Amino acid sequence: MKQRVLALSLLASLTSLATGVAHADKLDDIQKAGVVRIAVFDSNPPFGYVDPQSKKLVGYDVDVAEAIGKALGVKVELRATNPANRIPLLVSKKG
């Protein structure tokens, strides 16, 4: 029983290490490109919405996106999305 638990723990640890490497590759790709594209709902205040005066996306999600860009040292490109177009946007890889 102890050997089985040890084996499962080892497998879980190795799996998490492999996942970390995959994420590191993506982060390297983002930093090399100099830009991260982040989708934000455009009609979900206070999380994400279009400011009626400036016509820009604003909200908590925008603030988090900008913090991510700053932490990575890259430009942030926001993509306005909604429940109807978020999946097609992801599938098209235009997002």
C-alpha atoms as a PDB file:
ATOM      1  CA  MET A   1       0.000   0.000   0.000  1.00  0.00           C
ATOM      2  CA  LYS A   2       2.778   2.447   0.915  1.00  0.00           C
ATOM      3  CA  GLN A   3       4.590   1.697  -2.339  1.00  0.00           C
ATOM      4  CA  ARG A   4       1.433   2.440  -4.310  1.00  0.00           C
ATOM      5  CA  VAL A   5       0.940   5.781  -2.547  1.00  0.00           C
ATOM      6  CA  LEU A   6       4.607   6.613  -3.108  1.00  0.00           C
ATOM      7  CA  ALA A   7       4.360   5.699  -6.798  1.00  0.00           C
ATOM      8  CA  LEU A   8       1.226   7.816  -7.258  1.00  0.00           C
ATOM      9  CA  SER A   9       2.861  10.737  -5.458  1.00  0.00           C
ATOM     10  CA  LEU A  10       5.924  10.465  -7.679  1.00  0.00           C
ATOM     11  CA  LEU A  11       3.753  10.328 -10.798  1.00  0.00           C
ATOM     12  CA  ALA A  12       1.827  13.420  -9.680  1.00  0.00           C
ATOM     13  CA  SER A  13       5.078  15.285  -9.004  1.00  0.00           C
ATOM     14  CA  LEU A  14       6.542  14.421 -12.401  1.00  0.00           C
ATOM     15  CA  THR A  15       3.314  15.426 -14.125  1.00  0.00           C
ATOM     16  CA  SER A  16       3.324  18.814 -12.408  1.00  0.00           C
ATOM     17  CA  LEU A  17       6.950  19.371 -13.443  1.00  0.00           C
ATOM     18  CA  ALA A  18       6.107  18.651 -17.076  1.00  0.00           C
ATOM     19  CA  THR A  19       3.212  21.092 -16.896  1.00  0.00           C
ATOM     20  CA  GLY A  20       5.530  23.763 -15.514  1.00  0.00           C
ATOM     21  CA  VAL A  21       7.892  23.305 -18.448  1.00  0.00           C
ATOM     22  CA  ALA A  22       4.998  23.662 -20.914  1.00  0.00           C
ATOM     23  CA  HIS A  23       3.923  26.881 -19.214  1.00  0.00           C
ATOM     24  CA  ALA A  24       7.485  28.182 -19.243  1.00  0.00           C
ATOM     25  CA  ASP A  25       7.624  27.647 -23.013  1.00  0.00           C
ATOM     26  CA  LYS A  26       4.414  29.655 -23.472  1.00  0.00           C
ATOM     27  CA  LEU A  27       5.732  32.467 -21.277  1.00  0.00           C
ATOM     28  CA  ASP A  28       8.933  32.547 -23.318  1.00  0.00           C
ATOM     29  CA  ASP A  29       6.858  32.740 -26.512  1.00  0.00           C
ATOM     30  CA  ILE A  30       4.819  35.639 -25.101  1.00  0.00           C
ATOM     31  CA  GLN A  31       7.907  37.526 -23.969  1.00  0.00           C
ATOM     32  CA  LYS A  32       9.648  37.002 -27.317  1.00  0.00           C
ATOM     33  CA  ALA A  33       6.554  38.289 -29.140  1.00  0.00           C
ATOM     34  CA  GLY A  34       6.390  41.265 -26.779  1.00  0.00           C
ATOM     35  CA  VAL A  35       2.609  41.084 -26.550  1.00  0.00           C
ATOM     36  CA  VAL A  36      -0.055  39.157 -24.674  1.00  0.00           C
ATOM     37  CA  ARG A  37      -3.619  39.055 -26.000  1.00  0.00           C
ATOM     38  CA  ILE A  38      -6.299  38.834 -23.330  1.00  0.00           C
ATOM     39  CA  ALA A  39     -10.036  38.486 -23.907  1.00  0.00           C
ATOM     40  CA  VAL A  40     -12.338  40.557 -21.699  1.00  0.00           C
ATOM     41  CA  PHE A  41     -16.128  40.474 -21.636  1.00  0.00           C
ATOM     42  CA  ASP A  42     -17.401  43.773 -22.988  1.00  0.00           C
ATOM     43  CA  SER A  43     -20.716  43.915 -21.114  1.00  0.00           C
ATOM     44  CA  ASN A  44     -20.126  42.497 -17.638  1.00  0.00           C
ATOM     45  CA  PRO A  45     -19.638  45.419 -15.219  1.00  0.00           C
ATOM     46  CA  PRO A  46     -17.656  45.804 -13.030  1.00  0.00           C
ATOM     47  CA  PHE A  47     -15.435  43.044 -14.448  1.00  0.00           C
ATOM     48  CA  GLY A  48     -15.292  44.186 -18.048  1.00  0.00           C
ATOM     49  CA  TYR A  49     -17.332  46.680 -20.047  1.00  0.00           C
ATOM     50  CA  VAL A  50     -16.985  49.443 -22.594  1.00  0.00           C
ATOM     51  CA  ASP A  51     -16.800  52.886 -21.014  1.00  0.00           C
ATOM     52  CA  PRO A  52     -19.509  54.961 -22.726  1.00  0.00           C
ATOM     53  CA  GLN A  53     -17.368  58.103 -22.843  1.00  0.00           C
ATOM     54  CA  SER A  54     -13.936  56.766 -23.801  1.00  0.00           C
ATOM     55  CA  LYS A  55     -15.235  53.745 -25.773  1.00  0.00           C
ATOM     56  CA  LYS A  56     -12.424  51.698 -24.177  1.00  0.00           C
ATOM     57  CA  LEU A  57     -12.632  48.442 -22.257  1.00  0.00           C
ATOM     58  CA  VAL A  58     -12.454  49.048 -18.513  1.00  0.00           C
ATOM     59  CA  GLY A  59     -13.038  47.080 -15.324  1.00  0.00           C
ATOM     60  CA  TYR A  60     -11.393  44.620 -12.954  1.00  0.00           C
ATOM     61  CA  ASP A  61     -10.457  42.197 -15.747  1.00  0.00           C
ATOM     62  CA  VAL A  62      -8.735  45.000 -17.652  1.00  0.00           C
ATOM     63  CA  ASP A  63      -6.807  45.961 -14.507  1.00  0.00           C
ATOM     64  CA  VAL A  64      -5.671  42.348 -14.036  1.00  0.00           C
ATOM     65  CA  ALA A  65      -4.711  42.072 -17.729  1.00  0.00           C
ATOM     66  CA  GLU A  66      -2.591  45.210 -17.459  1.00  0.00           C
ATOM     67  CA  ALA A  67      -0.921  43.878 -14.296  1.00  0.00           C
ATOM     68  CA  ILE A  68      -0.080  40.637 -16.136  1.00  0.00           C
ATOM     69  CA  GLY A  69       1.425  42.599 -19.014  1.00  0.00           C
ATOM     70  CA  LYS A  70       3.463  44.716 -16.636  1.00  0.00           C
ATOM     71  CA  ALA A  71       4.725  41.649 -14.750  1.00  0.00           C
ATOM     72  CA  LEU A  72       5.776  39.994 -18.015  1.00  0.00           C
ATOM     73  CA  GLY A  73       7.184  43.204 -19.457  1.00  0.00           C
ATOM     74  CA  VAL A  74       5.017  43.002 -22.579  1.00  0.00           C
ATOM     75  CA  LYS A  75       2.309  45.026 -24.298  1.00  0.00           C
ATOM     76  CA  VAL A  76      -1.314  44.036 -23.611  1.00  0.00           C
ATOM     77  CA  GLU A  77      -3.813  43.700 -26.443  1.00  0.00           C
ATOM     78  CA  LEU A  78      -7.362  43.447 -25.151  1.00  0.00           C
ATOM     79  CA  ARG A  79      -9.960  41.526 -27.138  1.00  0.00           C
ATOM     80  CA  ALA A  80     -13.591  42.366 -26.469  1.00  0.00           C
ATOM     81  CA  THR A  81     -15.632  39.196 -26.159  1.00  0.00           C
ATOM     82  CA  ASN A  82     -19.010  37.975 -24.961  1.00  0.00           C
ATOM     83  CA  PRO A  83     -20.632  34.597 -24.290  1.00  0.00           C
ATOM     84  CA  ALA A  84     -21.746  34.316 -27.929  1.00  0.00           C
ATOM     85  CA  ASN A  85     -18.342  34.833 -29.570  1.00  0.00           C
ATOM     86  CA  ARG A  86     -15.750  33.679 -27.032  1.00  0.00           C
ATOM     87  CA  ILE A  87     -15.473  30.082 -28.275  1.00  0.00           C
ATOM     88  CA  PRO A  88     -15.335  31.000 -31.989  1.00  0.00           C
ATOM     89  CA  LEU A  89     -12.703  33.624 -31.103  1.00  0.00           C
ATOM     90  CA  LEU A  90     -10.553  30.996 -29.386  1.00  0.00           C
ATOM     91  CA  VAL A  91     -11.005  28.427 -32.152  1.00  0.00           C
ATOM     92  CA  SER A  92     -10.126  30.935 -34.871  1.00  0.00           C
ATOM     93  CA  LYS A  93      -6.866  31.782 -33.062  1.00  0.00           C
ATOM     94  CA  LYS A  94      -7.482  35.436 -33.877  1.00  0.00           C
ATOM     95  CA  GLY A  95      -7.830  36.168 -30.184  1.00  0.00           C
END
